[in-house]
Amino acid sequence: MWSRGERLRAVRGAAAAYKERFKAQGQVRSVRSVDIAAAPYPVKYALHDAVSVPTMPLIPMISMIVVQYDDWNGRPRTLVFEPTVLDGSAEAPFYRDLRRLLDKVPGGWPNAWC
């Protein structure tokens, strides 16, 4: 769609339709956060610019998420999401640059977060 107004209306309409489809697919059985490791994460992104902490620009992200749900065929499933794999995170540009910075700090990476 060319006009911005038309595109915005189309996106909003698609979002409303998706919301109804998503809600009709059932509910999750359980969600649990399990603290197992830590990785630095910018406060700006973690709290969506809700606060500014100039003296502490990073917070530790420490959780593994476990979700139990029924799949489309009604079978129970378990999904485990672990975003804090330190070695894997270090390959991302943000974490690569952060690691270089933290290596200059006593305690460095990953000792400052584990």
C-alpha atoms as a PDB file:
ATOM      1  CA  MET A   1       0.000   0.000   0.000  1.00  0.00           C
ATOM      2  CA  TRP A   2       1.352   3.387  -0.905  1.00  0.00           C
ATOM      3  CA  SER A   3      -0.199   5.841   1.485  1.00  0.00           C
ATOM      4  CA  ARG A   4       1.064   5.769   5.050  1.00  0.00           C
ATOM      5  CA  GLY A   5      -2.435   6.038   6.474  1.00  0.00           C
ATOM      6  CA  GLU A   6      -3.608   3.031   4.464  1.00  0.00           C
ATOM      7  CA  ARG A   7      -0.580   0.994   5.551  1.00  0.00           C
ATOM      8  CA  LEU A   8      -1.144   1.882   9.199  1.00  0.00           C
ATOM      9  CA  ARG A   9      -4.821   0.890   8.978  1.00  0.00           C
ATOM     10  CA  ALA A  10      -3.825  -2.390   7.281  1.00  0.00           C
ATOM     11  CA  VAL A  11      -1.245  -3.181   9.978  1.00  0.00           C
ATOM     12  CA  ARG A  12      -3.714  -2.393  12.749  1.00  0.00           C
ATOM     13  CA  GLY A  13      -6.364  -4.543  11.084  1.00  0.00           C
ATOM     14  CA  ALA A  14      -3.934  -7.434  10.657  1.00  0.00           C
ATOM     15  CA  ALA A  15      -2.841  -7.101  14.296  1.00  0.00           C
ATOM     16  CA  ALA A  16      -6.443  -7.225  15.510  1.00  0.00           C
ATOM     17  CA  ALA A  17      -7.135 -10.309  13.370  1.00  0.00           C
ATOM     18  CA  TYR A  18      -3.958 -11.998  14.638  1.00  0.00           C
ATOM     19  CA  LYS A  19      -4.899 -11.213  18.249  1.00  0.00           C
ATOM     20  CA  GLU A  20      -8.233 -12.989  17.818  1.00  0.00           C
ATOM     21  CA  ARG A  21      -6.568 -15.985  16.129  1.00  0.00           C
ATOM     22  CA  PHE A  22      -3.902 -16.137  18.845  1.00  0.00           C
ATOM     23  CA  LYS A  23      -6.475 -16.012  21.668  1.00  0.00           C
ATOM     24  CA  ALA A  24      -8.587 -18.713  19.989  1.00  0.00           C
ATOM     25  CA  GLN A  25      -5.664 -21.159  19.976  1.00  0.00           C
ATOM     26  CA  GLY A  26      -5.868 -21.719  23.720  1.00  0.00           C
ATOM     27  CA  GLN A  27      -3.848 -20.782  26.758  1.00  0.00           C
ATOM     28  CA  VAL A  28      -0.490 -21.881  28.012  1.00  0.00           C
ATOM     29  CA  ARG A  29      -0.579 -24.257  30.971  1.00  0.00           C
ATOM     30  CA  SER A  30       2.332 -22.736  32.830  1.00  0.00           C
ATOM     31  CA  VAL A  31       5.202 -20.247  32.556  1.00  0.00           C
ATOM     32  CA  ARG A  32       8.137 -20.244  34.922  1.00  0.00           C
ATOM     33  CA  SER A  33      11.329 -18.241  35.125  1.00  0.00           C
ATOM     34  CA  VAL A  34      14.363 -20.117  36.455  1.00  0.00           C
ATOM     35  CA  ASP A  35      17.499 -18.196  37.467  1.00  0.00           C
ATOM     36  CA  ILE A  36      20.496 -20.107  36.145  1.00  0.00           C
ATOM     37  CA  ALA A  37      23.063 -17.734  34.626  1.00  0.00           C
ATOM     38  CA  ALA A  38      23.639 -14.047  34.043  1.00  0.00           C
ATOM     39  CA  ALA A  39      24.422 -11.918  31.028  1.00  0.00           C
ATOM     40  CA  PRO A  40      24.619  -8.132  30.859  1.00  0.00           C
ATOM     41  CA  TYR A  41      21.704  -6.347  29.210  1.00  0.00           C
ATOM     42  CA  PRO A  42      21.201  -2.587  28.697  1.00  0.00           C
ATOM     43  CA  VAL A  43      18.764  -1.002  31.160  1.00  0.00           C
ATOM     44  CA  LYS A  44      17.470   1.115  28.256  1.00  0.00           C
ATOM     45  CA  TYR A  45      16.187  -1.995  26.446  1.00  0.00           C
ATOM     46  CA  ALA A  46      15.242  -4.063  29.487  1.00  0.00           C
ATOM     47  CA  LEU A  47      12.957  -1.366  30.862  1.00  0.00           C
ATOM     48  CA  HIS A  48      11.982   0.133  27.486  1.00  0.00           C
ATOM     49  CA  ASP A  49      13.273   3.633  28.319  1.00  0.00           C
ATOM     50  CA  ALA A  50      11.026   3.748  31.416  1.00  0.00           C
ATOM     51  CA  VAL A  51      13.986   4.726  33.609  1.00  0.00           C
ATOM     52  CA  SER A  52      17.465   6.117  33.177  1.00  0.00           C
ATOM     53  CA  VAL A  53      20.259   4.846  35.390  1.00  0.00           C
ATOM     54  CA  PRO A  54      23.425   6.680  34.305  1.00  0.00           C
ATOM     55  CA  THR A  55      25.580   4.958  36.928  1.00  0.00           C
ATOM     56  CA  MET A  56      24.327   1.500  35.987  1.00  0.00           C
ATOM     57  CA  PRO A  57      23.726   1.220  32.226  1.00  0.00           C
ATOM     58  CA  LEU A  58      23.540  -2.601  32.388  1.00  0.00           C
ATOM     59  CA  ILE A  59      21.543  -5.077  34.422  1.00  0.00           C
ATOM     60  CA  PRO A  60      22.055  -8.835  34.638  1.00  0.00           C
ATOM     61  CA  MET A  61      19.564 -10.900  32.642  1.00  0.00           C
ATOM     62  CA  ILE A  62      19.470 -14.146  34.582  1.00  0.00           C
ATOM     63  CA  SER A  63      16.473 -16.204  33.622  1.00  0.00           C
ATOM     64  CA  MET A  64      15.679 -19.304  31.668  1.00  0.00           C
ATOM     65  CA  ILE A  65      12.007 -19.428  30.657  1.00  0.00           C
ATOM     66  CA  VAL A  66      10.019 -22.678  30.710  1.00  0.00           C
ATOM     67  CA  VAL A  67       6.589 -22.673  29.034  1.00  0.00           C
ATOM     68  CA  GLN A  68       4.151 -25.584  29.083  1.00  0.00           C
ATOM     69  CA  TYR A  69       1.378 -25.504  26.498  1.00  0.00           C
ATOM     70  CA  ASP A  70      -0.807 -27.681  24.295  1.00  0.00           C
ATOM     71  CA  ASP A  71       0.206 -27.836  20.623  1.00  0.00           C
ATOM     72  CA  TRP A  72      -2.269 -27.512  17.727  1.00  0.00           C
ATOM     73  CA  ASN A  73      -3.127 -31.210  18.059  1.00  0.00           C
ATOM     74  CA  GLY A  74      -3.828 -30.910  21.790  1.00  0.00           C
ATOM     75  CA  ARG A  75      -0.597 -32.640  22.875  1.00  0.00           C
ATOM     76  CA  PRO A  76       1.197 -31.159  25.893  1.00  0.00           C
ATOM     77  CA  ARG A  77       4.563 -29.597  25.040  1.00  0.00           C
ATOM     78  CA  THR A  78       7.360 -27.865  26.945  1.00  0.00           C
ATOM     79  CA  LEU A  79       9.388 -25.003  25.486  1.00  0.00           C
ATOM     80  CA  VAL A  80      12.638 -23.939  27.151  1.00  0.00           C
ATOM     81  CA  PHE A  81      14.193 -20.605  26.210  1.00  0.00           C
ATOM     82  CA  GLU A  82      17.603 -19.649  27.598  1.00  0.00           C
ATOM     83  CA  PRO A  83      18.826 -16.253  26.328  1.00  0.00           C
ATOM     84  CA  THR A  84      21.962 -16.049  28.460  1.00  0.00           C
ATOM     85  CA  VAL A  85      24.380 -18.476  26.823  1.00  0.00           C
ATOM     86  CA  LEU A  86      27.558 -16.483  27.423  1.00  0.00           C
ATOM     87  CA  ASP A  87      29.703 -17.945  24.643  1.00  0.00           C
ATOM     88  CA  GLY A  88      26.941 -17.605  22.079  1.00  0.00           C
ATOM     89  CA  SER A  89      26.051 -14.104  23.231  1.00  0.00           C
ATOM     90  CA  ALA A  90      29.677 -13.032  22.925  1.00  0.00           C
ATOM     91  CA  GLU A  91      29.456 -13.596  19.149  1.00  0.00           C
ATOM     92  CA  ALA A  92      26.748 -10.930  18.721  1.00  0.00           C
ATOM     93  CA  PRO A  93      28.196  -7.475  17.893  1.00  0.00           C
ATOM     94  CA  PHE A  94      26.688  -5.828  20.987  1.00  0.00           C
ATOM     95  CA  TYR A  95      28.135  -8.448  23.331  1.00  0.00           C
ATOM     96  CA  ARG A  96      31.439  -8.640  21.472  1.00  0.00           C
ATOM     97  CA  ASP A  97      31.932  -4.891  22.006  1.00  0.00           C
ATOM     98  CA  LEU A  98      30.695  -5.125  25.581  1.00  0.00           C
ATOM     99  CA  ARG A  99      33.119  -7.953  26.282  1.00  0.00           C
ATOM    100  CA  ARG A 100      36.016  -5.817  25.046  1.00  0.00           C
ATOM    101  CA  LEU A 101      34.908  -3.072  27.412  1.00  0.00           C
ATOM    102  CA  LEU A 102      34.411  -5.412  30.391  1.00  0.00           C
ATOM    103  CA  ASP A 103      37.798  -7.030  29.818  1.00  0.00           C
ATOM    104  CA  LYS A 104      39.273  -3.666  30.909  1.00  0.00           C
ATOM    105  CA  VAL A 105      37.348  -3.804  34.209  1.00  0.00           C
ATOM    106  CA  PRO A 106      38.602  -5.841  37.185  1.00  0.00           C
ATOM    107  CA  GLY A 107      36.480  -8.976  37.222  1.00  0.00           C
ATOM    108  CA  GLY A 108      35.891  -8.616  33.508  1.00  0.00           C
ATOM    109  CA  TRP A 109      33.801 -10.995  31.456  1.00  0.00           C
ATOM    110  CA  PRO A 110      32.031 -13.232  32.426  1.00  0.00           C
ATOM    111  CA  ASN A 111      33.106 -13.126  36.074  1.00  0.00           C
ATOM    112  CA  ALA A 112      31.256  -9.846  36.556  1.00  0.00           C
ATOM    113  CA  TRP A 113      27.983 -11.561  35.592  1.00  0.00           C
ATOM    114  CA  CYS A 114      28.217 -15.132  36.867  1.00  0.00           C
END
